[in-house]
Protein backbone atom coordinates (compact mmCIF):
# COMPACT_ATOMS: atom_id res chain seq x y z
CA MET A 1 -26.59 -31.69 -27.79
CA SER A 2 -26.46 -34.35 -25.08
CA SER A 3 -26.77 -38.06 -25.77
CA PRO A 4 -29.62 -40.16 -24.29
CA LEU A 5 -27.11 -41.69 -21.89
CA GLU A 6 -25.98 -38.26 -20.65
CA SER A 7 -29.60 -37.10 -20.34
CA SER A 8 -30.46 -40.10 -18.18
CA ARG A 9 -27.68 -39.37 -15.70
CA ARG A 10 -28.50 -37.80 -12.39
CA GLU A 11 -26.42 -35.92 -9.90
CA PRO A 12 -24.83 -37.99 -7.13
CA THR A 13 -27.00 -38.42 -4.07
CA ARG A 14 -26.24 -36.46 -0.91
CA LEU A 15 -25.08 -39.66 0.79
CA TYR A 16 -22.69 -40.41 -2.08
CA ARG A 17 -21.22 -36.91 -1.82
CA TRP A 18 -20.64 -37.29 1.89
CA ILE A 19 -18.97 -40.67 1.40
CA VAL A 20 -16.64 -38.92 -1.03
CA LEU A 21 -16.00 -36.18 1.53
CA VAL A 22 -15.10 -38.66 4.28
CA PHE A 23 -12.54 -40.55 2.22
CA ILE A 24 -10.97 -37.50 0.62
CA SER A 25 -10.66 -35.94 4.08
CA LEU A 26 -8.97 -39.13 5.29
CA ALA A 27 -6.08 -38.25 2.98
CA MET A 28 -5.92 -34.80 4.58
CA PHE A 29 -5.79 -36.34 8.06
CA GLY A 30 -2.75 -38.39 7.10
CA ASN A 31 -1.13 -35.37 5.44
CA TYR A 32 -1.46 -33.16 8.55
CA TYR A 33 -0.28 -35.91 10.89
CA ILE A 34 2.92 -36.42 8.90
CA TYR A 35 3.76 -32.71 8.93
CA ASP A 36 3.26 -32.35 12.69
CA SER A 37 5.05 -35.58 13.63
CA ILE A 38 8.39 -33.80 14.09
CA GLY A 39 7.44 -31.58 17.05
CA PRO A 40 6.83 -34.39 19.58
CA ILE A 41 10.28 -35.92 18.97
CA ALA A 42 12.32 -32.70 18.73
CA ASP A 43 14.08 -33.32 22.05
CA ILE A 44 14.79 -36.96 21.12
CA LEU A 45 16.31 -35.91 17.81
CA LYS A 46 18.63 -33.67 19.79
CA SER A 47 19.53 -36.12 22.56
CA ASP A 48 19.73 -39.36 20.53
CA LEU A 49 20.93 -38.15 17.13
CA GLY A 50 22.79 -34.98 18.10
CA PHE A 51 20.58 -32.74 15.94
CA SER A 52 20.82 -29.01 16.63
CA ASP A 53 17.71 -26.85 16.84
CA ARG A 54 18.77 -25.44 13.48
CA ASN A 55 18.65 -28.97 12.05
CA ILE A 56 15.21 -29.53 13.56
CA GLY A 57 13.93 -26.23 12.18
CA SER A 58 15.32 -27.16 8.78
CA LEU A 59 13.07 -30.24 8.69
CA ASN A 60 10.14 -27.86 8.32
CA SER A 61 12.03 -25.19 6.39
CA VAL A 62 12.78 -27.55 3.50
CA TYR A 63 9.09 -28.48 3.42
CA SER A 64 8.21 -24.82 2.86
CA ILE A 65 10.94 -24.39 0.23
CA ALA A 66 9.56 -27.37 -1.68
CA ALA A 67 6.07 -25.92 -1.30
CA ILE A 68 7.30 -22.63 -2.79
CA PHE A 69 8.62 -24.51 -5.80
CA ILE A 70 5.28 -26.28 -6.27
CA LEU A 71 3.35 -23.02 -5.95
CA LEU A 72 5.56 -21.41 -8.58
CA ILE A 73 4.96 -24.12 -11.17
CA GLY A 74 1.25 -24.20 -10.35
CA GLY A 75 -1.28 -27.01 -10.61
CA VAL A 76 -0.22 -28.23 -14.05
CA VAL A 77 -0.55 -31.88 -13.05
CA ILE A 78 -4.00 -31.32 -11.56
CA ASP A 79 -5.18 -29.49 -14.67
CA LYS A 80 -3.81 -32.12 -17.04
CA TYR A 81 -4.65 -35.34 -15.22
CA GLY A 82 -7.71 -34.38 -13.16
CA THR A 83 -8.51 -34.59 -9.47
CA LYS A 84 -8.85 -38.35 -9.02
CA LYS A 85 -5.38 -39.11 -10.39
CA SER A 86 -3.85 -36.09 -8.67
CA VAL A 87 -5.23 -36.90 -5.22
CA LEU A 88 -3.97 -40.49 -5.52
CA PHE A 89 -0.55 -39.48 -6.87
CA PHE A 90 0.17 -36.69 -4.40
CA GLY A 91 -1.27 -38.71 -1.52
CA SER A 92 1.08 -41.54 -2.44
CA LEU A 93 3.97 -39.06 -2.52
CA CYS A 94 3.10 -37.96 1.04
CA THR A 95 3.15 -41.60 2.16
CA LEU A 96 6.50 -42.16 0.47
CA ALA A 97 7.80 -39.05 2.23
CA ALA A 98 6.78 -40.40 5.64
CA PHE A 99 8.55 -43.73 5.05
CA VAL A 100 11.70 -42.02 3.79
CA THR A 101 11.77 -39.73 6.83
CA MET A 102 11.62 -42.63 9.29
CA SER A 103 14.00 -44.89 7.39
CA SER A 104 17.31 -43.42 8.53
CA SER A 105 18.85 -41.37 11.32
CA ARG A 106 20.91 -39.40 8.79
CA LEU A 107 19.83 -35.77 8.56
CA SER A 108 20.19 -35.78 4.77
CA VAL A 109 17.70 -38.64 4.46
CA MET A 110 15.21 -36.99 6.80
CA LEU A 111 15.52 -33.72 4.88
CA THR A 112 14.85 -35.62 1.65
CA GLY A 113 11.70 -37.06 3.17
CA ARG A 114 10.50 -33.61 4.23
CA VAL A 115 11.20 -32.20 0.75
CA LEU A 116 9.10 -35.00 -0.73
CA LEU A 117 6.36 -34.11 1.75
CA GLY A 118 6.42 -30.46 0.69
CA LEU A 119 6.18 -31.52 -2.96
CA GLY A 120 3.25 -33.80 -2.21
CA ALA A 121 1.29 -32.11 0.57
CA GLU A 122 0.67 -28.69 -0.98
CA PRO A 123 -0.62 -29.97 -4.36
CA LEU A 124 -2.63 -32.62 -2.48
CA ILE A 125 -4.41 -29.82 -0.62
CA VAL A 126 -5.02 -27.99 -3.93
CA ALA A 127 -6.31 -31.17 -5.58
CA ILE A 128 -8.67 -31.89 -2.69
CA THR A 129 -9.90 -28.29 -2.68
CA THR A 130 -10.56 -28.57 -6.42
CA ALA A 131 -12.34 -31.90 -5.95
CA LEU A 132 -14.59 -30.53 -3.23
CA ALA A 133 -15.60 -27.67 -5.49
CA LYS A 134 -16.51 -30.20 -8.17
CA TRP A 135 -18.64 -32.28 -5.82
CA PHE A 136 -20.23 -29.65 -3.58
CA LYS A 137 -20.48 -26.39 -5.51
CA GLY A 138 -23.97 -25.05 -4.87
CA LYS A 139 -24.57 -27.89 -2.41
CA GLU A 140 -23.23 -27.17 1.09
CA LEU A 141 -19.79 -26.24 -0.23
CA SER A 142 -18.79 -24.10 2.78
CA PHE A 143 -19.92 -26.78 5.21
CA ALA A 144 -18.04 -29.45 3.25
CA PHE A 145 -14.89 -27.33 3.39
CA GLY A 146 -15.38 -26.93 7.11
CA ILE A 147 -15.73 -30.68 7.67
CA ASN A 148 -12.67 -31.32 5.53
CA LEU A 149 -10.61 -28.85 7.57
CA THR A 150 -11.91 -30.30 10.82
CA ILE A 151 -10.78 -33.80 9.89
CA ALA A 152 -7.46 -32.44 8.66
CA ARG A 153 -6.83 -30.54 11.91
CA LEU A 154 -7.60 -33.72 13.83
CA GLY A 155 -4.43 -35.06 12.23
CA SER A 156 -2.48 -32.24 13.91
CA VAL A 157 -4.21 -32.91 17.23
CA ALA A 158 -3.46 -36.63 16.97
CA ALA A 159 0.23 -35.91 16.31
CA ASP A 160 0.48 -33.45 19.21
CA THR A 161 -1.20 -35.83 21.64
CA SER A 162 0.63 -38.95 20.43
CA PRO A 163 3.10 -38.82 23.36
CA ARG A 164 0.10 -39.63 25.55
CA TRP A 165 -1.91 -42.16 23.52
CA ALA A 166 1.23 -43.79 22.06
CA GLN A 167 3.49 -43.33 25.07
CA THR A 168 5.13 -46.75 24.76
CA PHE A 169 6.47 -45.81 21.30
CA TYR A 170 8.40 -42.80 22.56
CA THR A 171 11.49 -44.75 23.57
CA ASP A 172 13.53 -43.56 20.59
CA TRP A 173 13.25 -41.22 17.58
CA GLN A 174 12.16 -43.84 15.05
CA HIS A 175 9.10 -45.48 16.55
CA PRO A 176 7.00 -42.26 16.64
CA LEU A 177 7.91 -41.68 12.99
CA MET A 178 6.87 -45.27 12.27
CA ILE A 179 3.40 -44.35 13.59
CA ALA A 180 3.41 -41.38 11.21
CA ALA A 181 4.40 -43.68 8.34
CA VAL A 182 1.60 -46.13 9.16
CA LEU A 183 -0.99 -43.35 9.43
CA SER A 184 0.34 -41.83 6.21
CA ILE A 185 -1.17 -44.83 4.43
CA PHE A 186 -4.51 -43.02 4.96
CA CYS A 187 -3.30 -40.67 2.20
CA VAL A 188 -3.15 -43.62 -0.21
CA ILE A 189 -6.32 -45.31 1.06
CA GLY A 190 -8.30 -42.07 0.85
CA GLY A 191 -6.88 -41.30 -2.59
CA LEU A 192 -7.48 -44.83 -3.90
CA ILE A 193 -11.10 -44.99 -2.73
CA TYR A 194 -11.74 -41.50 -4.07
CA PHE A 195 -10.29 -42.60 -7.41
CA PHE A 196 -12.86 -45.40 -7.69
CA LEU A 197 -15.72 -43.25 -6.38
CA GLU A 198 -15.10 -40.55 -8.97
CA SER A 199 -14.51 -43.11 -11.73
CA TYR A 200 -17.87 -44.71 -10.95
CA SER A 201 -19.58 -41.33 -10.78
CA GLU A 202 -18.14 -40.24 -14.13
CA LYS A 203 -19.97 -43.20 -15.72
CA HIS A 204 -23.24 -42.96 -13.82
CA HIS A 205 -23.61 -39.36 -12.57
CA THR A 206 -23.37 -35.77 -13.72
CA LEU A 207 -20.63 -33.94 -11.83
CA GLY A 208 -20.13 -30.22 -11.55
CA ARG A 209 -17.09 -28.53 -13.00
CA ALA A 210 -14.14 -27.98 -10.71
CA ALA A 211 -13.35 -24.46 -9.65
CA GLU A 212 -10.48 -22.75 -11.44
CA ARG A 213 -7.25 -23.51 -9.65
CA ASP A 214 -5.26 -20.85 -7.87
CA LYS A 215 -2.42 -19.96 -10.18
CA LEU A 216 0.17 -17.21 -10.06
CA VAL A 217 -0.19 -14.71 -12.93
CA LEU A 218 2.94 -12.56 -12.82
CA GLY A 219 1.35 -9.66 -14.68
CA ASP A 220 -1.26 -9.27 -11.96
CA LEU A 221 1.33 -8.64 -9.24
CA PHE A 222 1.40 -4.95 -10.08
CA LYS A 223 -2.38 -4.53 -10.04
CA PHE A 224 -3.14 -5.19 -6.35
CA ASN A 225 -3.85 -2.24 -4.09
CA THR A 226 -2.09 -1.46 -0.81
CA SER A 227 -4.84 -3.10 1.26
CA PHE A 228 -4.00 -6.47 -0.28
CA TRP A 229 -0.28 -6.07 0.39
CA PHE A 230 -0.92 -5.18 4.03
CA ILE A 231 -2.97 -8.39 4.36
CA VAL A 232 -0.10 -10.34 2.80
CA ALA A 233 2.34 -8.74 5.25
CA LEU A 234 0.05 -9.63 8.16
CA CYS A 235 -0.26 -13.19 6.83
CA VAL A 236 3.51 -13.67 6.76
CA THR A 237 4.13 -12.20 10.22
CA PHE A 238 1.21 -14.04 11.82
CA TYR A 239 1.94 -17.53 10.50
CA SER A 240 5.68 -17.04 11.08
CA ALA A 241 4.87 -16.42 14.74
CA ILE A 242 2.65 -19.51 15.01
CA PHE A 243 4.01 -22.46 13.05
CA PRO A 244 7.75 -22.12 13.82
CA PHE A 245 6.72 -21.88 17.48
CA ARG A 246 4.82 -25.16 17.10
CA THR A 247 7.95 -26.74 15.62
CA PHE A 248 9.76 -26.28 18.93
CA ALA A 249 6.84 -25.92 21.35
CA ILE A 250 6.84 -29.43 22.85
CA LYS A 251 10.61 -29.35 23.31
CA PHE A 252 10.33 -25.86 24.81
CA PHE A 253 7.62 -26.88 27.28
CA GLN A 254 9.77 -29.82 28.39
CA GLU A 255 13.06 -27.99 28.74
CA ALA A 256 11.97 -24.53 29.87
CA HIS A 257 9.00 -25.50 32.05
CA GLY A 258 9.90 -29.03 33.12
CA VAL A 259 6.68 -30.67 31.98
CA SER A 260 6.62 -34.20 30.62
CA ARG A 261 6.20 -34.97 26.93
CA GLU A 262 2.81 -36.50 27.79
CA VAL A 263 1.70 -33.06 29.06
CA ALA A 264 3.56 -30.92 26.53
CA GLY A 265 2.01 -32.66 23.51
CA PRO A 266 -1.64 -32.10 24.47
CA LEU A 267 -0.73 -28.55 25.52
CA ASN A 268 0.53 -27.88 22.01
CA SER A 269 -2.67 -29.37 20.59
CA VAL A 270 -4.69 -26.49 22.09
CA LEU A 271 -3.95 -24.43 18.97
CA PRO A 272 -5.45 -26.74 16.33
CA LEU A 273 -8.24 -27.71 18.75
CA SER A 274 -9.19 -24.09 19.27
CA ALA A 275 -9.17 -23.54 15.51
CA LEU A 276 -11.56 -26.47 15.10
CA ILE A 277 -14.01 -25.18 17.66
CA VAL A 278 -13.82 -21.39 17.67
CA THR A 279 -12.97 -20.33 14.11
CA PRO A 280 -16.51 -20.89 12.72
CA PHE A 281 -17.95 -18.66 15.45
CA PHE A 282 -15.51 -15.88 14.61
CA GLY A 283 -16.51 -16.29 10.98
CA LEU A 284 -20.15 -15.78 11.91
CA LEU A 285 -19.21 -12.77 14.04
CA VAL A 286 -17.33 -10.97 11.30
CA ASP A 287 -20.19 -11.64 8.85
CA LYS A 288 -22.45 -9.82 11.30
CA ILE A 289 -20.34 -6.83 12.33
CA GLY A 290 -17.62 -6.39 9.70
CA LYS A 291 -14.72 -4.44 11.29
CA ARG A 292 -12.24 -6.90 9.77
CA ALA A 293 -9.10 -4.79 10.16
CA HIS A 294 -10.02 -4.02 13.77
CA LEU A 295 -10.50 -7.71 14.53
CA MET A 296 -7.11 -8.51 12.99
CA MET A 297 -5.60 -5.81 15.19
CA LEU A 298 -7.22 -7.46 18.20
CA GLY A 299 -5.81 -10.85 17.23
CA SER A 300 -2.32 -9.35 16.89
CA VAL A 301 -2.57 -7.63 20.28
CA LEU A 302 -3.46 -10.95 21.91
CA LEU A 303 -0.38 -12.55 20.37
CA ILE A 304 2.19 -9.97 21.51
CA PRO A 305 2.47 -10.83 25.24
CA VAL A 306 2.14 -14.60 24.83
CA TYR A 307 5.77 -15.46 24.17
CA LEU A 308 7.18 -13.12 26.80
CA MET A 309 4.76 -14.56 29.37
CA LEU A 310 6.13 -18.01 28.52
CA VAL A 311 9.76 -17.09 29.28
CA TYR A 312 9.51 -14.34 31.92
CA THR A 313 6.65 -15.45 34.19
CA ASP A 314 5.57 -18.50 36.16
CA ILE A 315 1.96 -18.10 35.07
CA SER A 316 0.04 -21.23 34.13
CA LEU A 317 1.00 -22.32 30.64
CA TYR A 318 -2.65 -22.64 29.69
CA ILE A 319 -3.21 -18.86 29.92
CA PRO A 320 -0.74 -17.75 27.21
CA ILE A 321 -1.58 -20.80 25.10
CA ALA A 322 -5.30 -19.92 25.37
CA LEU A 323 -4.54 -16.37 24.19
CA MET A 324 -2.55 -17.80 21.29
CA GLY A 325 -5.43 -20.15 20.51
CA ILE A 326 -7.89 -17.26 20.34
CA SER A 327 -5.56 -15.35 18.02
CA PHE A 328 -5.01 -18.48 15.90
CA SER A 329 -8.77 -18.86 15.56
CA LEU A 330 -9.58 -15.18 14.99
CA ILE A 331 -7.05 -13.90 12.47
CA PRO A 332 -7.36 -16.69 9.84
CA ALA A 333 -11.18 -16.53 10.08
CA VAL A 334 -11.01 -12.84 9.17
CA MET A 335 -7.88 -12.58 7.04
CA TRP A 336 -8.40 -15.10 4.23
CA PRO A 337 -12.01 -14.12 3.40
CA SER A 338 -11.01 -10.42 3.52
CA VAL A 339 -9.03 -10.85 0.30
CA ALA A 340 -12.26 -11.54 -1.58
CA TYR A 341 -13.58 -8.09 -0.59
CA ILE A 342 -10.62 -6.13 -1.98
CA VAL A 343 -9.51 -8.19 -5.00
CA GLU A 344 -11.51 -8.66 -8.19
CA GLU A 345 -12.98 -12.14 -8.59
CA ASN A 346 -11.04 -12.90 -11.78
CA ARG A 347 -7.76 -12.30 -9.91
CA LEU A 348 -8.55 -14.13 -6.67
CA GLY A 349 -6.62 -17.21 -7.78
CA THR A 350 -3.48 -15.13 -8.30
CA ALA A 351 -4.04 -13.31 -5.01
CA TYR A 352 -4.36 -16.47 -2.91
CA ALA A 353 -1.48 -18.22 -4.68
CA LEU A 354 0.78 -15.22 -4.12
CA MET A 355 -0.30 -14.92 -0.51
CA THR A 356 0.40 -18.60 0.15
CA LEU A 357 3.75 -18.47 -1.64
CA ILE A 358 4.99 -15.53 0.46
CA GLN A 359 3.65 -17.21 3.59
CA GLN A 360 5.76 -20.29 2.84
CA ILE A 361 8.84 -18.13 2.33
CA GLY A 362 8.28 -16.70 5.80
CA LEU A 363 7.83 -20.15 7.34
CA ALA A 364 11.00 -21.44 5.70
CA GLY A 365 13.02 -18.51 6.98
CA PHE A 366 11.68 -18.34 10.51
CA ASN A 367 11.81 -22.10 11.17
CA TRP A 368 15.53 -21.87 10.44
CA LEU A 369 15.99 -18.55 12.28
CA ILE A 370 14.38 -19.77 15.52
CA GLY A 371 16.50 -22.91 15.42
CA PHE A 372 19.60 -20.75 14.93
CA ALA A 373 18.59 -18.46 17.82
CA ASN A 374 18.09 -21.44 20.14
CA ASP A 375 21.46 -22.91 19.19
CA TYR A 376 23.25 -19.55 19.49
CA SER A 377 21.85 -19.04 23.00
CA ASN A 378 22.46 -22.68 23.95
CA ALA A 379 18.78 -23.19 24.86
CA GLY A 380 18.08 -26.38 26.76
CA PRO A 381 17.06 -27.84 30.13
CA ALA A 382 20.23 -26.47 31.74
CA ASN A 383 19.70 -23.04 30.20
CA PRO A 384 15.98 -22.31 29.71
CA GLU A 385 16.78 -18.60 29.38
CA GLY A 386 18.35 -19.53 26.05
CA TYR A 387 14.86 -19.64 24.57
CA ARG A 388 14.33 -15.92 25.22
CA PRO A 389 15.87 -14.57 21.96
CA GLY A 390 13.56 -16.78 19.91
CA MET A 391 10.56 -15.69 21.95
CA TRP A 392 11.48 -12.05 21.41
CA ILE A 393 11.53 -12.69 17.68
CA PHE A 394 7.99 -14.08 17.90
CA SER A 395 6.87 -11.07 19.97
CA VAL A 396 8.34 -8.64 17.43
CA LEU A 397 6.34 -10.47 14.75
CA GLY A 398 3.24 -9.82 16.87
CA PHE A 399 4.06 -6.09 16.96
CA LEU A 400 4.57 -6.08 13.20
CA GLY A 401 1.24 -7.84 12.74
CA LEU A 402 -0.46 -5.11 14.78
CA PHE A 403 1.26 -2.45 12.68
CA PHE A 404 0.22 -4.04 9.39
CA ALA A 405 -3.38 -4.50 10.63
CA PHE A 406 -3.43 -0.81 11.63
CA MET A 407 -2.09 0.24 8.23
CA LEU A 408 -4.68 -2.03 6.60
CA GLN A 409 -7.44 -0.22 8.45
CA LYS A 410 -6.13 3.13 7.21
CA ALA A 411 -5.73 1.88 3.64
CA ASP A 412 -9.21 0.37 3.66
CA GLN A 413 -10.70 3.74 4.62
CA LYS A 414 -9.10 5.26 1.52
CA HIS A 415 -10.35 2.46 -0.71
CA GLY A 416 -14.01 2.61 0.31
CA GLY A 417 -14.11 0.84 3.65
CA HIS A 418 -15.06 -2.57 2.23
CA LEU A 419 -13.49 -4.44 5.14
CA ALA A 420 -15.40 -2.40 7.71
CA SER A 421 -18.79 -3.31 6.26
CA PRO A 422 -20.42 -6.63 7.20
CA HIS A 423 -21.04 -7.46 3.54
CA GLY A 424 -18.01 -5.69 2.08
CA ASN A 425 -20.11 -3.05 0.31
């Protein structure tokens, strides 16, 4: 039985919810900027500090390894302490990570900073996702998630284009990372304001319950059908072909194609920009026509020639990058929702946690592998052909993605054709 005080409470107004969304998304902006701040200075790390490409790749590999650890232990902190404390704590950890990374030219210190980022960024995303479910469930939840992702991706775009809008800071390796450290304070500001907004609302409003967190239930690993495992395989191959490329893309554009950093950065930003603009339209398309496995096959086909075009032709860079952007917009829009059509609702948390964990394993391995391939082939401005082995690795991943999408289509036919139907029936 509710007390008179509880009965008198009302739900937060729509304006209040959107204020919450803006500030919680501000933390995501800072989070994404920090992660993508390494790419624009990859060549400086090599020329000024003597880092190898393997070292540069390791800066993102250790992030993924830390993320794997966090995914294995689950969202215990979020469950125990709630979203407002978790967002503030993990946002503060991301800010600390940014300051540690820029504080020293020693590789060990930078790696420590990136480990801290992996430990903070992934649970921050989970905490924010949980918070959004609490505030918007039944009230524009999908749109709120979309706005949150849009603001987050703007952090990636800002990092990629920083060589242009912050050109005067690119005189050494440290000043660009100082910008990342300053912008990382958004993680704390967003978390702190959200803390007070939720605290106030707990006293004066009635909030919805947060969605159950995605946790890994080991016993469920043996209950998923082959369709799910083919989606997981496609997820690993696809993201391993995209994000490790972005780690070295700006450096590659400079050294293999002779473009300036001010051009290479915005060129690399085409991928997150395309995801911002095009992904919702692909989502609407698949809701209308279904054919999910076929669309994932199409996305994989588009990805296959991209990397070979970049190292074997003189075609405009914008053509292969546009193809990559379409693939980067299409496959995630189809792939992640597809899991909900082939996995029971009470095991979706385990499915998504497992999928993300294996994805991070792939990212950790391929960030290091591409760096090793570049070093082994002595890739650089004097030897642009040295980038070819790494590009072949990416192309092979595209072929594997096509194969897994094809096998998914065959498996789905055997399991009722849920992915082929617009509504998954």
